[in-house]
């Protein structure tokens, strides 16, 4: 799994991974959801994240669900922590709204309507 972060979309993390059919799947996860899942159960519905019990602080799980199937990913905690620290160096938690181009976001909303 690879994680990608864009400061222009500061609340989101993009997770890409290959499925058992060798197709690339990409999911958009909330950055706060991923951070909350480091220490406890977070999320409901299509995306859930939680620490792997009995694995110390070495792994966490990300469960993804959609009408076409489900996936359970086991991810190294240290990799996720390092990734989140890098995102927070770009956009500190709590400062996300200052990094959004609101004029562009509204223009995109109205263009789709």
C-alpha atoms as a PDB file:
ATOM      1  CA  UNK A   1       0.000   0.000   0.000  1.00  0.00           C
ATOM      2  CA  UNK A   2       1.201   3.497  -0.758  1.00  0.00           C
ATOM      3  CA  UNK A   3      -0.113   6.677   0.839  1.00  0.00           C
ATOM      4  CA  UNK A   4      -0.244  10.073  -0.852  1.00  0.00           C
ATOM      5  CA  UNK A   5      -1.073  13.508   0.569  1.00  0.00           C
ATOM      6  CA  UNK A   6      -1.754  16.781  -1.228  1.00  0.00           C
ATOM      7  CA  UNK A   7      -1.802  20.014   0.833  1.00  0.00           C
ATOM      8  CA  UNK A   8      -4.474  21.382  -1.542  1.00  0.00           C
ATOM      9  CA  UNK A   9      -6.818  18.618  -0.276  1.00  0.00           C
ATOM     10  CA  UNK A  10      -5.683  18.789   3.351  1.00  0.00           C
ATOM     11  CA  UNK A  11      -8.294  16.567   5.005  1.00  0.00           C
ATOM     12  CA  UNK A  12      -7.692  13.594   2.693  1.00  0.00           C
ATOM     13  CA  UNK A  13      -5.122  10.825   2.338  1.00  0.00           C
ATOM     14  CA  UNK A  14      -5.112   8.675  -0.783  1.00  0.00           C
ATOM     15  CA  UNK A  15      -4.278   5.009  -0.267  1.00  0.00           C
ATOM     16  CA  UNK A  16      -3.378   2.916  -3.311  1.00  0.00           C
ATOM     17  CA  UNK A  17      -2.894  -0.836  -3.321  1.00  0.00           C
ATOM     18  CA  UNK A  18      -3.121  -3.782  -5.658  1.00  0.00           C
ATOM     19  CA  UNK A  19      -6.010  -6.219  -5.359  1.00  0.00           C
ATOM     20  CA  UNK A  20      -5.799  -9.978  -5.785  1.00  0.00           C
ATOM     21  CA  UNK A  21      -6.631  -9.423  -9.465  1.00  0.00           C
ATOM     22  CA  UNK A  22      -3.566  -7.156  -9.855  1.00  0.00           C
ATOM     23  CA  UNK A  23      -5.783  -4.107 -10.355  1.00  0.00           C
ATOM     24  CA  UNK A  24      -4.772  -0.889  -8.660  1.00  0.00           C
ATOM     25  CA  UNK A  25      -7.397   0.340  -6.199  1.00  0.00           C
ATOM     26  CA  UNK A  26      -7.387   3.820  -4.694  1.00  0.00           C
ATOM     27  CA  UNK A  27      -9.375   4.898  -1.661  1.00  0.00           C
ATOM     28  CA  UNK A  28      -9.643   8.333  -0.100  1.00  0.00           C
ATOM     29  CA  UNK A  29      -9.324   8.233   3.688  1.00  0.00           C
ATOM     30  CA  UNK A  30      -9.711  11.035   6.189  1.00  0.00           C
ATOM     31  CA  UNK A  31      -6.358  12.105   7.628  1.00  0.00           C
ATOM     32  CA  UNK A  32      -7.909  12.422  11.097  1.00  0.00           C
ATOM     33  CA  UNK A  33      -9.494   8.973  10.733  1.00  0.00           C
ATOM     34  CA  UNK A  34      -6.107   7.440   9.980  1.00  0.00           C
ATOM     35  CA  UNK A  35      -4.521   9.255  12.934  1.00  0.00           C
ATOM     36  CA  UNK A  36      -7.330   8.242  15.303  1.00  0.00           C
ATOM     37  CA  UNK A  37      -6.942   4.615  14.218  1.00  0.00           C
ATOM     38  CA  UNK A  38      -3.398   4.546  15.586  1.00  0.00           C
ATOM     39  CA  UNK A  39      -4.683   4.547  19.159  1.00  0.00           C
ATOM     40  CA  UNK A  40      -8.232   3.195  18.969  1.00  0.00           C
ATOM     41  CA  UNK A  41     -11.075   2.113  16.762  1.00  0.00           C
ATOM     42  CA  UNK A  42     -12.118   4.815  14.301  1.00  0.00           C
ATOM     43  CA  UNK A  43     -14.618   5.086  11.482  1.00  0.00           C
ATOM     44  CA  UNK A  44     -17.802   3.317  10.549  1.00  0.00           C
ATOM     45  CA  UNK A  45     -19.395   2.132   7.367  1.00  0.00           C
ATOM     46  CA  UNK A  46     -17.073   1.753   4.386  1.00  0.00           C
ATOM     47  CA  UNK A  47     -13.812   2.650   6.165  1.00  0.00           C
ATOM     48  CA  UNK A  48     -12.710   1.487   9.611  1.00  0.00           C
ATOM     49  CA  UNK A  49      -9.257   1.686  11.203  1.00  0.00           C
ATOM     50  CA  UNK A  50      -7.933   0.199  14.470  1.00  0.00           C
ATOM     51  CA  UNK A  51      -4.727  -0.981  16.169  1.00  0.00           C
ATOM     52  CA  UNK A  52      -3.891  -4.675  15.790  1.00  0.00           C
ATOM     53  CA  UNK A  53      -4.511  -6.148  19.253  1.00  0.00           C
ATOM     54  CA  UNK A  54      -1.763  -8.492  20.377  1.00  0.00           C
ATOM     55  CA  UNK A  55       0.739  -7.035  17.915  1.00  0.00           C
ATOM     56  CA  UNK A  56       2.026  -4.391  20.303  1.00  0.00           C
ATOM     57  CA  UNK A  57       2.380  -1.126  18.501  1.00  0.00           C
ATOM     58  CA  UNK A  58       3.667  -2.766  15.329  1.00  0.00           C
ATOM     59  CA  UNK A  59       0.550  -3.013  13.152  1.00  0.00           C
ATOM     60  CA  UNK A  60      -2.866  -1.553  12.516  1.00  0.00           C
ATOM     61  CA  UNK A  61      -5.798  -2.656  10.393  1.00  0.00           C
ATOM     62  CA  UNK A  62      -7.686  -0.758   7.720  1.00  0.00           C
ATOM     63  CA  UNK A  63     -10.992  -2.330   6.660  1.00  0.00           C
ATOM     64  CA  UNK A  64     -12.530  -1.152   3.394  1.00  0.00           C
ATOM     65  CA  UNK A  65     -15.964  -2.108   2.124  1.00  0.00           C
ATOM     66  CA  UNK A  66     -17.892  -1.428  -1.058  1.00  0.00           C
ATOM     67  CA  UNK A  67     -20.674  -3.102  -3.031  1.00  0.00           C
ATOM     68  CA  UNK A  68     -18.000  -4.815  -5.148  1.00  0.00           C
ATOM     69  CA  UNK A  69     -16.106  -6.322  -2.211  1.00  0.00           C
ATOM     70  CA  UNK A  70     -14.158  -5.820   0.979  1.00  0.00           C
ATOM     71  CA  UNK A  71     -10.499  -5.662   1.964  1.00  0.00           C
ATOM     72  CA  UNK A  72      -8.670  -5.942   5.271  1.00  0.00           C
ATOM     73  CA  UNK A  73      -5.200  -4.413   5.197  1.00  0.00           C
ATOM     74  CA  UNK A  74      -2.544  -4.885   7.875  1.00  0.00           C
ATOM     75  CA  UNK A  75      -0.253  -1.872   7.865  1.00  0.00           C
ATOM     76  CA  UNK A  76       2.966  -1.148   9.815  1.00  0.00           C
ATOM     77  CA  UNK A  77       2.190   1.478  12.468  1.00  0.00           C
ATOM     78  CA  UNK A  78       5.600   3.135  12.172  1.00  0.00           C
ATOM     79  CA  UNK A  79       5.071   3.743   8.452  1.00  0.00           C
ATOM     80  CA  UNK A  80       1.678   5.366   9.088  1.00  0.00           C
ATOM     81  CA  UNK A  81       3.051   7.474  11.962  1.00  0.00           C
ATOM     82  CA  UNK A  82       5.957   8.703   9.833  1.00  0.00           C
ATOM     83  CA  UNK A  83       3.611   9.475   6.934  1.00  0.00           C
ATOM     84  CA  UNK A  84       1.237  11.437   9.195  1.00  0.00           C
ATOM     85  CA  UNK A  85       4.135  13.371  10.744  1.00  0.00           C
ATOM     86  CA  UNK A  86       5.215  14.377   7.235  1.00  0.00           C
ATOM     87  CA  UNK A  87       1.685  15.529   6.370  1.00  0.00           C
ATOM     88  CA  UNK A  88       1.492  17.552   9.577  1.00  0.00           C
ATOM     89  CA  UNK A  89       4.768  19.267   8.699  1.00  0.00           C
ATOM     90  CA  UNK A  90       3.079  20.418   5.477  1.00  0.00           C
ATOM     91  CA  UNK A  91      -0.324  21.234   7.004  1.00  0.00           C
ATOM     92  CA  UNK A  92      -0.650  21.151  10.808  1.00  0.00           C
ATOM     93  CA  UNK A  93      -3.772  19.492  12.198  1.00  0.00           C
ATOM     94  CA  UNK A  94      -6.367  22.161  12.810  1.00  0.00           C
ATOM     95  CA  UNK A  95      -5.008  24.411  10.044  1.00  0.00           C
ATOM     96  CA  UNK A  96      -6.477  22.479   7.113  1.00  0.00           C
ATOM     97  CA  UNK A  97      -9.174  24.995   6.166  1.00  0.00           C
ATOM     98  CA  UNK A  98      -6.532  27.641   5.486  1.00  0.00           C
ATOM     99  CA  UNK A  99      -5.096  25.470   2.706  1.00  0.00           C
ATOM    100  CA  UNK A 100      -8.301  25.076   0.707  1.00  0.00           C
ATOM    101  CA  UNK A 101      -8.957  27.259  -2.328  1.00  0.00           C
ATOM    102  CA  UNK A 102     -12.585  27.988  -1.421  1.00  0.00           C
ATOM    103  CA  UNK A 103     -13.303  29.905  -4.634  1.00  0.00           C
ATOM    104  CA  UNK A 104     -12.173  26.924  -6.702  1.00  0.00           C
ATOM    105  CA  UNK A 105     -14.084  24.476  -4.484  1.00  0.00           C
ATOM    106  CA  UNK A 106     -17.314  26.469  -4.889  1.00  0.00           C
ATOM    107  CA  UNK A 107     -16.780  26.855  -8.634  1.00  0.00           C
ATOM    108  CA  UNK A 108     -16.359  23.069  -8.932  1.00  0.00           C
ATOM    109  CA  UNK A 109     -19.518  22.486  -6.898  1.00  0.00           C
ATOM    110  CA  UNK A 110     -21.618  24.763  -9.059  1.00  0.00           C
ATOM    111  CA  UNK A 111     -20.099  23.443 -12.292  1.00  0.00           C
ATOM    112  CA  UNK A 112     -21.238  19.913 -11.402  1.00  0.00           C
ATOM    113  CA  UNK A 113     -24.760  20.998 -10.496  1.00  0.00           C
END
